[in-house]
Full PDB file with SEQRES, HELIX, SHEET, SSBOND, CRYST1, ORIGX, SCALE, CONECT and MASTER records, all heavy atoms in Angstrom:
SEQRES   1 A   35  SER GLN ILE CYS GLN GLN LEU ASN ILE PRO ILE HIS SER          
SEQRES   2 A   35  GLN ALA TYR ASP GLN THR ALA ILE VAL THR ASN ILE THR          
SEQRES   3 A   35  VAL ASP GLN SER HIS GLN ASN THR ALA                          
HELIX    1 AA1 GLN A    2  GLN A    6  1                                   5    
CRYST1    1.000    1.000    1.000  90.00  90.00  90.00 P 1           1          
ORIGX1      1.000000  0.000000  0.000000        0.00000                         
ORIGX2      0.000000  1.000000  0.000000        0.00000                         
ORIGX3      0.000000  0.000000  1.000000        0.00000                         
SCALE1      1.000000  0.000000  0.000000        0.00000                         
SCALE2      0.000000  1.000000  0.000000        0.00000                         
SCALE3      0.000000  0.000000  1.000000        0.00000                         
ATOM      1  N   SER A   1      -9.729  -0.482  15.504  1.00  0.00           N  
ATOM      2  CA  SER A   1      -8.596   0.420  15.690  1.00  0.00           C  
ATOM      3  C   SER A   1      -8.225   0.593  17.161  1.00  0.00           C  
ATOM      4  O   SER A   1      -9.049   0.999  17.983  1.00  0.00           O  
ATOM      5  CB  SER A   1      -8.937   1.789  15.083  1.00  0.00           C  
ATOM      6  OG  SER A   1      -8.034   2.777  15.510  1.00  0.00           O  
ATOM      7  N   GLN A   2      -6.974   0.303  17.467  1.00  0.00           N  
ATOM      8  CA  GLN A   2      -6.481   0.509  18.822  1.00  0.00           C  
ATOM      9  C   GLN A   2      -6.392   1.999  19.150  1.00  0.00           C  
ATOM     10  O   GLN A   2      -6.575   2.401  20.300  1.00  0.00           O  
ATOM     11  CB  GLN A   2      -5.098  -0.140  18.979  1.00  0.00           C  
ATOM     12  CG  GLN A   2      -5.107  -1.661  18.848  1.00  0.00           C  
ATOM     13  CD  GLN A   2      -5.952  -2.315  19.918  1.00  0.00           C  
ATOM     14  OE1 GLN A   2      -5.777  -2.042  21.115  1.00  0.00           O  
ATOM     15  NE2 GLN A   2      -6.878  -3.170  19.513  1.00  0.00           N  
ATOM     16  N   ILE A   3      -6.119   2.810  18.138  1.00  0.00           N  
ATOM     17  CA  ILE A   3      -6.035   4.255  18.375  1.00  0.00           C  
ATOM     18  C   ILE A   3      -7.399   4.800  18.768  1.00  0.00           C  
ATOM     19  O   ILE A   3      -7.535   5.593  19.712  1.00  0.00           O  
ATOM     20  CB  ILE A   3      -5.504   4.979  17.127  1.00  0.00           C  
ATOM     21  CG1 ILE A   3      -4.123   4.427  16.762  1.00  0.00           C  
ATOM     22  CG2 ILE A   3      -5.437   6.480  17.374  1.00  0.00           C  
ATOM     23  CD1 ILE A   3      -3.107   4.489  17.869  1.00  0.00           C  
ATOM     24  N   CYS A   4      -8.456   4.379  18.049  1.00  0.00           N  
ATOM     25  CA  CYS A   4      -9.803   4.835  18.406  1.00  0.00           C  
ATOM     26  C   CYS A   4     -10.169   4.398  19.820  1.00  0.00           C  
ATOM     27  O   CYS A   4     -10.806   5.147  20.569  1.00  0.00           O  
ATOM     28  CB  CYS A   4     -10.820   4.287  17.409  1.00  0.00           C  
ATOM     29  SG  CYS A   4     -10.747   5.080  15.783  1.00  0.00           S  
ATOM     30  N   GLN A   5      -9.767   3.197  20.196  1.00  0.00           N  
ATOM     31  CA  GLN A   5     -10.055   2.725  21.549  1.00  0.00           C  
ATOM     32  C   GLN A   5      -9.321   3.559  22.586  1.00  0.00           C  
ATOM     33  O   GLN A   5      -9.899   3.940  23.615  1.00  0.00           O  
ATOM     34  CB  GLN A   5      -9.668   1.253  21.675  1.00  0.00           C  
ATOM     35  CG  GLN A   5     -10.547   0.314  20.851  1.00  0.00           C  
ATOM     36  CD  GLN A   5     -10.125  -1.133  20.953  1.00  0.00           C  
ATOM     37  OE1 GLN A   5      -9.563  -1.551  21.969  1.00  0.00           O  
ATOM     38  NE2 GLN A   5     -10.380  -1.907  19.910  1.00  0.00           N  
ATOM     39  N   GLN A   6      -8.048   3.861  22.327  1.00  0.00           N  
ATOM     40  CA  GLN A   6      -7.286   4.653  23.292  1.00  0.00           C  
ATOM     41  C   GLN A   6      -7.828   6.069  23.423  1.00  0.00           C  
ATOM     42  O   GLN A   6      -7.769   6.667  24.500  1.00  0.00           O  
ATOM     43  CB  GLN A   6      -5.813   4.699  22.871  1.00  0.00           C  
ATOM     44  CG  GLN A   6      -5.087   3.367  23.025  1.00  0.00           C  
ATOM     45  CD  GLN A   6      -3.595   3.500  22.778  1.00  0.00           C  
ATOM     46  OE1 GLN A   6      -2.975   4.471  23.203  1.00  0.00           O  
ATOM     47  NE2 GLN A   6      -3.020   2.517  22.108  1.00  0.00           N  
ATOM     48  N   LEU A   7      -8.388   6.601  22.332  1.00  0.00           N  
ATOM     49  CA  LEU A   7      -8.918   7.962  22.355  1.00  0.00           C  
ATOM     50  C   LEU A   7     -10.404   8.001  22.701  1.00  0.00           C  
ATOM     51  O   LEU A   7     -11.031   9.065  22.677  1.00  0.00           O  
ATOM     52  CB  LEU A   7      -8.692   8.627  20.997  1.00  0.00           C  
ATOM     53  CG  LEU A   7      -7.227   8.887  20.623  1.00  0.00           C  
ATOM     54  CD1 LEU A   7      -7.142   9.447  19.207  1.00  0.00           C  
ATOM     55  CD2 LEU A   7      -6.564   9.832  21.613  1.00  0.00           C  
ATOM     56  N   ASN A   8     -10.979   6.830  23.013  1.00  0.00           N  
ATOM     57  CA  ASN A   8     -12.394   6.714  23.393  1.00  0.00           C  
ATOM     58  C   ASN A   8     -13.332   7.267  22.322  1.00  0.00           C  
ATOM     59  O   ASN A   8     -14.335   7.936  22.624  1.00  0.00           O  
ATOM     60  CB  ASN A   8     -12.646   7.430  24.734  1.00  0.00           C  
ATOM     61  CG  ASN A   8     -11.907   6.766  25.883  1.00  0.00           C  
ATOM     62  OD1 ASN A   8     -11.914   5.549  26.012  1.00  0.00           O  
ATOM     63  ND2 ASN A   8     -11.249   7.571  26.705  1.00  0.00           N  
ATOM     64  N   ILE A   9     -13.008   6.992  21.072  1.00  0.00           N  
ATOM     65  CA  ILE A   9     -13.858   7.411  19.959  1.00  0.00           C  
ATOM     66  C   ILE A   9     -14.909   6.327  19.736  1.00  0.00           C  
ATOM     67  O   ILE A   9     -14.569   5.172  19.483  1.00  0.00           O  
ATOM     68  CB  ILE A   9     -13.027   7.627  18.684  1.00  0.00           C  
ATOM     69  CG1 ILE A   9     -12.025   8.761  18.905  1.00  0.00           C  
ATOM     70  CG2 ILE A   9     -13.935   7.914  17.482  1.00  0.00           C  
ATOM     71  CD1 ILE A   9     -11.020   8.914  17.802  1.00  0.00           C  
ATOM     72  N   PRO A  10     -16.194   6.653  19.841  1.00  0.00           N  
ATOM     73  CA  PRO A  10     -17.232   5.633  19.696  1.00  0.00           C  
ATOM     74  C   PRO A  10     -17.232   5.017  18.304  1.00  0.00           C  
ATOM     75  O   PRO A  10     -17.147   5.721  17.289  1.00  0.00           O  
ATOM     76  CB  PRO A  10     -18.532   6.411  19.947  1.00  0.00           C  
ATOM     77  CG  PRO A  10     -18.116   7.640  20.688  1.00  0.00           C  
ATOM     78  CD  PRO A  10     -16.749   7.982  20.172  1.00  0.00           C  
ATOM     79  N   ILE A  11     -17.325   3.681  18.262  1.00  0.00           N  
ATOM     80  CA  ILE A  11     -17.406   2.939  17.008  1.00  0.00           C  
ATOM     81  C   ILE A  11     -18.732   2.190  16.990  1.00  0.00           C  
ATOM     82  O   ILE A  11     -19.044   1.431  17.911  1.00  0.00           O  
ATOM     83  CB  ILE A  11     -16.244   1.934  16.868  1.00  0.00           C  
ATOM     84  CG1 ILE A  11     -14.887   2.649  16.941  1.00  0.00           C  
ATOM     85  CG2 ILE A  11     -16.380   1.146  15.565  1.00  0.00           C  
ATOM     86  CD1 ILE A  11     -14.614   3.586  15.798  1.00  0.00           C  
ATOM     87  N   HIS A  12     -19.515   2.415  15.948  1.00  0.00           N  
ATOM     88  CA  HIS A  12     -20.774   1.701  15.782  1.00  0.00           C  
ATOM     89  C   HIS A  12     -20.512   0.462  14.927  1.00  0.00           C  
ATOM     90  O   HIS A  12     -19.894   0.560  13.869  1.00  0.00           O  
ATOM     91  CB  HIS A  12     -21.813   2.600  15.111  1.00  0.00           C  
ATOM     92  CG  HIS A  12     -22.099   3.852  15.877  1.00  0.00           C  
ATOM     93  ND1 HIS A  12     -22.996   3.900  16.922  1.00  0.00           N  
ATOM     94  CD2 HIS A  12     -21.584   5.101  15.760  1.00  0.00           C  
ATOM     95  CE1 HIS A  12     -23.040   5.129  17.414  1.00  0.00           C  
ATOM     96  NE2 HIS A  12     -22.188   5.877  16.727  1.00  0.00           N  
ATOM     97  N   SER A  13     -20.984  -0.684  15.386  1.00  0.00           N  
ATOM     98  CA  SER A  13     -20.707  -1.911  14.645  1.00  0.00           C  
ATOM     99  C   SER A  13     -21.943  -2.792  14.584  1.00  0.00           C  
ATOM    100  O   SER A  13     -22.820  -2.733  15.457  1.00  0.00           O  
ATOM    101  CB  SER A  13     -19.545  -2.681  15.288  1.00  0.00           C  
ATOM    102  OG  SER A  13     -19.854  -3.026  16.621  1.00  0.00           O  
ATOM    103  N   GLN A  14     -21.994  -3.595  13.541  1.00  0.00           N  
ATOM    104  CA  GLN A  14     -23.123  -4.491  13.306  1.00  0.00           C  
ATOM    105  C   GLN A  14     -22.621  -5.723  12.568  1.00  0.00           C  
ATOM    106  O   GLN A  14     -22.050  -5.618  11.479  1.00  0.00           O  
ATOM    107  CB  GLN A  14     -24.196  -3.786  12.472  1.00  0.00           C  
ATOM    108  CG  GLN A  14     -25.296  -4.685  11.949  1.00  0.00           C  
ATOM    109  CD  GLN A  14     -26.160  -3.988  10.931  1.00  0.00           C  
ATOM    110  OE1 GLN A  14     -26.347  -2.775  10.992  1.00  0.00           O  
ATOM    111  NE2 GLN A  14     -26.703  -4.736   9.981  1.00  0.00           N  
ATOM    112  N   ALA A  15     -22.787  -6.892  13.166  1.00  0.00           N  
ATOM    113  CA  ALA A  15     -22.406  -8.140  12.500  1.00  0.00           C  
ATOM    114  C   ALA A  15     -23.479  -8.513  11.486  1.00  0.00           C  
ATOM    115  O   ALA A  15     -24.677  -8.334  11.735  1.00  0.00           O  
ATOM    116  CB  ALA A  15     -22.228  -9.257  13.522  1.00  0.00           C  
ATOM    117  N   TYR A  16     -23.053  -9.024  10.335  1.00  0.00           N  
ATOM    118  CA  TYR A  16     -23.998  -9.390   9.287  1.00  0.00           C  
ATOM    119  C   TYR A  16     -24.435 -10.852   9.349  1.00  0.00           C  
ATOM    120  O   TYR A  16     -25.272 -11.268   8.565  1.00  0.00           O  
ATOM    121  CB  TYR A  16     -23.387  -9.119   7.915  1.00  0.00           C  
ATOM    122  CG  TYR A  16     -23.431  -7.669   7.513  1.00  0.00           C  
ATOM    123  CD1 TYR A  16     -22.251  -6.974   7.224  1.00  0.00           C  
ATOM    124  CD2 TYR A  16     -24.632  -6.989   7.401  1.00  0.00           C  
ATOM    125  CE1 TYR A  16     -22.283  -5.645   6.836  1.00  0.00           C  
ATOM    126  CE2 TYR A  16     -24.669  -5.656   7.024  1.00  0.00           C  
ATOM    127  CZ  TYR A  16     -23.493  -4.992   6.741  1.00  0.00           C  
ATOM    128  OH  TYR A  16     -23.530  -3.668   6.370  1.00  0.00           O  
ATOM    129  N   ASP A  17     -23.847 -11.646  10.239  1.00  0.00           N  
ATOM    130  CA  ASP A  17     -24.123 -13.082  10.264  1.00  0.00           C  
ATOM    131  C   ASP A  17     -23.808 -13.706   8.903  1.00  0.00           C  
ATOM    132  O   ASP A  17     -24.472 -14.630   8.459  1.00  0.00           O  
ATOM    133  CB  ASP A  17     -25.578 -13.372  10.666  1.00  0.00           C  
ATOM    134  CG  ASP A  17     -25.796 -14.842  11.031  1.00  0.00           C  
ATOM    135  OD1 ASP A  17     -24.841 -15.468  11.532  1.00  0.00           O  
ATOM    136  OD2 ASP A  17     -26.905 -15.361  10.804  1.00  0.00           O  
ATOM    137  N   GLN A  18     -22.815 -13.137   8.233  1.00  0.00           N  
ATOM    138  CA  GLN A  18     -22.388 -13.623   6.935  1.00  0.00           C  
ATOM    139  C   GLN A  18     -20.867 -13.744   6.912  1.00  0.00           C  
ATOM    140  O   GLN A  18     -20.165 -13.031   7.629  1.00  0.00           O  
ATOM    141  CB  GLN A  18     -22.822 -12.669   5.814  1.00  0.00           C  
ATOM    142  CG  GLN A  18     -24.322 -12.569   5.611  1.00  0.00           C  
ATOM    143  CD  GLN A  18     -24.672 -11.566   4.517  1.00  0.00           C  
ATOM    144  OE1 GLN A  18     -23.929 -10.618   4.259  1.00  0.00           O  
ATOM    145  NE2 GLN A  18     -25.807 -11.767   3.871  1.00  0.00           N  
ATOM    146  N   THR A  19     -20.386 -14.637   6.064  1.00  0.00           N  
ATOM    147  CA  THR A  19     -18.954 -14.835   5.874  1.00  0.00           C  
ATOM    148  C   THR A  19     -18.646 -14.773   4.388  1.00  0.00           C  
ATOM    149  O   THR A  19     -19.404 -15.295   3.569  1.00  0.00           O  
ATOM    150  CB  THR A  19     -18.508 -16.193   6.440  1.00  0.00           C  
ATOM    151  OG1 THR A  19     -18.683 -16.190   7.860  1.00  0.00           O  
ATOM    152  CG2 THR A  19     -17.047 -16.481   6.124  1.00  0.00           C  
ATOM    153  N   ALA A  20     -17.552 -14.123   4.042  1.00  0.00           N  
ATOM    154  CA  ALA A  20     -17.109 -14.075   2.645  1.00  0.00           C  
ATOM    155  C   ALA A  20     -16.123 -15.203   2.404  1.00  0.00           C  
ATOM    156  O   ALA A  20     -15.116 -15.328   3.105  1.00  0.00           O  
ATOM    157  CB  ALA A  20     -16.465 -12.736   2.342  1.00  0.00           C  
ATOM    158  N   ILE A  21     -16.420 -16.031   1.427  1.00  0.00           N  
ATOM    159  CA  ILE A  21     -15.484 -17.057   0.968  1.00  0.00           C  
ATOM    160  C   ILE A  21     -14.788 -16.491  -0.263  1.00  0.00           C  
ATOM    161  O   ILE A  21     -15.438 -16.122  -1.249  1.00  0.00           O  
ATOM    162  CB  ILE A  21     -16.210 -18.372   0.650  1.00  0.00           C  
ATOM    163  CG1 ILE A  21     -16.789 -18.947   1.943  1.00  0.00           C  
ATOM    164  CG2 ILE A  21     -15.256 -19.365  -0.004  1.00  0.00           C  
ATOM    165  CD1 ILE A  21     -17.587 -20.210   1.759  1.00  0.00           C  
ATOM    166  N   VAL A  22     -13.471 -16.412  -0.209  1.00  0.00           N  
ATOM    167  CA  VAL A  22     -12.687 -15.728  -1.232  1.00  0.00           C  
ATOM    168  C   VAL A  22     -11.704 -16.698  -1.861  1.00  0.00           C  
ATOM    169  O   VAL A  22     -11.004 -17.446  -1.157  1.00  0.00           O  
ATOM    170  CB  VAL A  22     -11.933 -14.531  -0.621  1.00  0.00           C  
ATOM    171  CG1 VAL A  22     -11.108 -13.810  -1.682  1.00  0.00           C  
ATOM    172  CG2 VAL A  22     -12.909 -13.565   0.049  1.00  0.00           C  
ATOM    173  N   THR A  23     -11.642 -16.684  -3.177  1.00  0.00           N  
ATOM    174  CA  THR A  23     -10.672 -17.502  -3.904  1.00  0.00           C  
ATOM    175  C   THR A  23     -10.548 -16.956  -5.314  1.00  0.00           C  
ATOM    176  O   THR A  23     -11.259 -16.031  -5.709  1.00  0.00           O  
ATOM    177  CB  THR A  23     -11.099 -18.982  -3.943  1.00  0.00           C  
ATOM    178  OG1 THR A  23     -10.061 -19.763  -4.539  1.00  0.00           O  
ATOM    179  CG2 THR A  23     -12.378 -19.175  -4.732  1.00  0.00           C  
ATOM    180  N   ASN A  24      -9.625 -17.525  -6.090  1.00  0.00           N  
ATOM    181  CA  ASN A  24      -9.556 -17.256  -7.522  1.00  0.00           C  
ATOM    182  C   ASN A  24     -10.126 -18.462  -8.261  1.00  0.00           C  
ATOM    183  O   ASN A  24      -9.929 -19.612  -7.844  1.00  0.00           O  
ATOM    184  CB  ASN A  24      -8.118 -17.013  -7.972  1.00  0.00           C  
ATOM    185  CG  ASN A  24      -7.618 -15.655  -7.534  1.00  0.00           C  
ATOM    186  OD1 ASN A  24      -8.394 -14.729  -7.322  1.00  0.00           O  
ATOM    187  ND2 ASN A  24      -6.306 -15.522  -7.389  1.00  0.00           N  
ATOM    188  N   ILE A  25     -10.817 -18.202  -9.350  1.00  0.00           N  
ATOM    189  CA  ILE A  25     -11.488 -19.263 -10.077  1.00  0.00           C  
ATOM    190  C   ILE A  25     -11.204 -19.113 -11.574  1.00  0.00           C  
ATOM    191  O   ILE A  25     -11.210 -17.999 -12.107  1.00  0.00           O  
ATOM    192  CB  ILE A  25     -13.007 -19.238  -9.770  1.00  0.00           C  
ATOM    193  CG1 ILE A  25     -13.662 -20.556 -10.127  1.00  0.00           C  
ATOM    194  CG2 ILE A  25     -13.701 -18.067 -10.417  1.00  0.00           C  
ATOM    195  CD1 ILE A  25     -15.001 -20.752  -9.429  1.00  0.00           C  
ATOM    196  N   THR A  26     -10.900 -20.230 -12.229  1.00  0.00           N  
ATOM    197  CA  THR A  26     -10.600 -20.241 -13.657  1.00  0.00           C  
ATOM    198  C   THR A  26     -11.817 -20.713 -14.432  1.00  0.00           C  
ATOM    199  O   THR A  26     -12.504 -21.648 -14.019  1.00  0.00           O  
ATOM    200  CB  THR A  26      -9.409 -21.168 -13.953  1.00  0.00           C  
ATOM    201  OG1 THR A  26      -8.277 -20.732 -13.201  1.00  0.00           O  
ATOM    202  CG2 THR A  26      -9.050 -21.145 -15.442  1.00  0.00           C  
ATOM    203  N   VAL A  27     -12.095 -20.040 -15.554  1.00  0.00           N  
ATOM    204  CA  VAL A  27     -13.237 -20.384 -16.402  1.00  0.00           C  
ATOM    205  C   VAL A  27     -12.732 -20.776 -17.789  1.00  0.00           C  
ATOM    206  O   VAL A  27     -11.542 -20.643 -18.100  1.00  0.00           O  
ATOM    207  CB  VAL A  27     -14.240 -19.218 -16.491  1.00  0.00           C  
ATOM    208  CG1 VAL A  27     -14.814 -18.898 -15.124  1.00  0.00           C  
ATOM    209  CG2 VAL A  27     -13.574 -17.966 -17.074  1.00  0.00           C  
ATOM    210  N   ASP A  28     -13.651 -21.248 -18.624  1.00  0.00           N  
ATOM    211  CA  ASP A  28     -13.241 -21.756 -19.942  1.00  0.00           C  
ATOM    212  C   ASP A  28     -13.403 -20.735 -21.061  1.00  0.00           C  
ATOM    213  O   ASP A  28     -13.312 -21.093 -22.236  1.00  0.00           O  
ATOM    214  CB  ASP A  28     -14.023 -23.037 -20.276  1.00  0.00           C  
ATOM    215  CG  ASP A  28     -15.524 -22.786 -20.455  1.00  0.00           C  
ATOM    216  OD1 ASP A  28     -15.979 -21.664 -20.143  1.00  0.00           O  
ATOM    217  OD2 ASP A  28     -16.223 -23.711 -20.899  1.00  0.00           O  
ATOM    218  N   GLN A  29     -13.627 -19.468 -20.717  1.00  0.00           N  
ATOM    219  CA  GLN A  29     -13.740 -18.447 -21.746  1.00  0.00           C  
ATOM    220  C   GLN A  29     -13.211 -17.119 -21.224  1.00  0.00           C  
ATOM    221  O   GLN A  29     -13.057 -16.929 -20.018  1.00  0.00           O  
ATOM    222  CB  GLN A  29     -15.197 -18.297 -22.193  1.00  0.00           C  
ATOM    223  CG  GLN A  29     -16.146 -17.801 -21.120  1.00  0.00           C  
ATOM    224  CD  GLN A  29     -17.605 -17.824 -21.562  1.00  0.00           C  
ATOM    225  OE1 GLN A  29     -18.060 -18.768 -22.212  1.00  0.00           O  
ATOM    226  NE2 GLN A  29     -18.340 -16.779 -21.225  1.00  0.00           N  
ATOM    227  N   SER A  30     -12.927 -16.204 -22.121  1.00  0.00           N  
ATOM    228  CA  SER A  30     -12.399 -14.894 -21.732  1.00  0.00           C  
ATOM    229  C   SER A  30     -13.438 -14.102 -20.937  1.00  0.00           C  
ATOM    230  O   SER A  30     -14.634 -14.170 -21.210  1.00  0.00           O  
ATOM    231  CB  SER A  30     -12.002 -14.103 -22.979  1.00  0.00           C  
ATOM    232  OG  SER A  30     -11.621 -12.789 -22.641  1.00  0.00           O  
ATOM    233  N   HIS A  31     -12.971 -13.337 -19.965  1.00  0.00           N  
ATOM    234  CA  HIS A  31     -13.907 -12.552 -19.148  1.00  0.00           C  
ATOM    235  C   HIS A  31     -14.424 -11.310 -19.865  1.00  0.00           C  
ATOM    236  O   HIS A  31     -15.407 -10.708 -19.433  1.00  0.00           O  
ATOM    237  CB  HIS A  31     -13.261 -12.150 -17.822  1.00  0.00           C  
ATOM    238  CG  HIS A  31     -11.983 -11.364 -17.960  1.00  0.00           C  
ATOM    239  ND1 HIS A  31     -11.915 -10.147 -18.595  1.00  0.00           N  
ATOM    240  CD2 HIS A  31     -10.722 -11.626 -17.529  1.00  0.00           C  
ATOM    241  CE1 HIS A  31     -10.676  -9.684 -18.540  1.00  0.00           C  
ATOM    242  NE2 HIS A  31      -9.926 -10.561 -17.913  1.00  0.00           N  
ATOM    243  N   GLN A  32     -13.756 -10.884 -20.953  1.00  0.00           N  
ATOM    244  CA  GLN A  32     -14.174  -9.716 -21.737  1.00  0.00           C  
ATOM    245  C   GLN A  32     -14.347  -8.468 -20.863  1.00  0.00           C  
ATOM    246  O   GLN A  32     -15.247  -7.645 -21.086  1.00  0.00           O  
ATOM    247  CB  GLN A  32     -15.461 -10.032 -22.510  1.00  0.00           C  
ATOM    248  CG  GLN A  32     -15.284 -11.163 -23.494  1.00  0.00           C  
ATOM    249  CD  GLN A  32     -16.541 -11.475 -24.300  1.00  0.00           C  
ATOM    250  OE1 GLN A  32     -17.517 -10.729 -24.266  1.00  0.00           O  
ATOM    251  NE2 GLN A  32     -16.520 -12.580 -25.021  1.00  0.00           N  
ATOM    252  N   ASN A  33     -13.485  -8.344 -19.866  1.00  0.00           N  
ATOM    253  CA  ASN A  33     -13.468  -7.173 -18.977  1.00  0.00           C  
ATOM    254  C   ASN A  33     -14.811  -6.916 -18.303  1.00  0.00           C  
ATOM    255  O   ASN A  33     -15.213  -5.771 -18.076  1.00  0.00           O  
ATOM    256  CB  ASN A  33     -13.028  -5.922 -19.741  1.00  0.00           C  
ATOM    257  CG  ASN A  33     -11.619  -6.027 -20.264  1.00  0.00           C  
ATOM    258  OD1 ASN A  33     -11.409  -6.234 -21.463  1.00  0.00           O  
ATOM    259  ND2 ASN A  33     -10.638  -5.917 -19.385  1.00  0.00           N  
ATOM    260  N   THR A  34     -15.494  -8.016 -17.967  1.00  0.00           N  
ATOM    261  CA  THR A  34     -16.792  -7.918 -17.308  1.00  0.00           C  
ATOM    262  C   THR A  34     -16.689  -8.395 -15.868  1.00  0.00           C  
ATOM    263  O   THR A  34     -16.111  -9.442 -15.589  1.00  0.00           O  
ATOM    264  CB  THR A  34     -17.841  -8.763 -18.051  1.00  0.00           C  
ATOM    265  OG1 THR A  34     -17.968  -8.281 -19.393  1.00  0.00           O  
ATOM    266  CG2 THR A  34     -19.202  -8.672 -17.369  1.00  0.00           C  
ATOM    267  N   ALA A  35     -17.249  -7.615 -14.945  1.00  0.00           N  
ATOM    268  CA  ALA A  35     -17.406  -8.024 -13.550  1.00  0.00           C  
ATOM    269  C   ALA A  35     -18.863  -8.375 -13.327  1.00  0.00           C  
ATOM    270  O   ALA A  35     -19.760  -7.785 -13.940  1.00  0.00           O  
ATOM    271  CB  ALA A  35     -16.978  -6.911 -12.603  1.00  0.00           C  
TER     272      ALA A  35                                                      
MASTER        0    0    0    1    0    0    0    6  271    1    0    3          
END                                                                             
């Protein structure tokens, strides 16, 4: 946030050394409203 930076509000941050790969995927059966 640029606003937090301008107001000098401390932000605590931690990198996870992980990346999210995001896409949509089609399957051969109904999902039955399950995640």
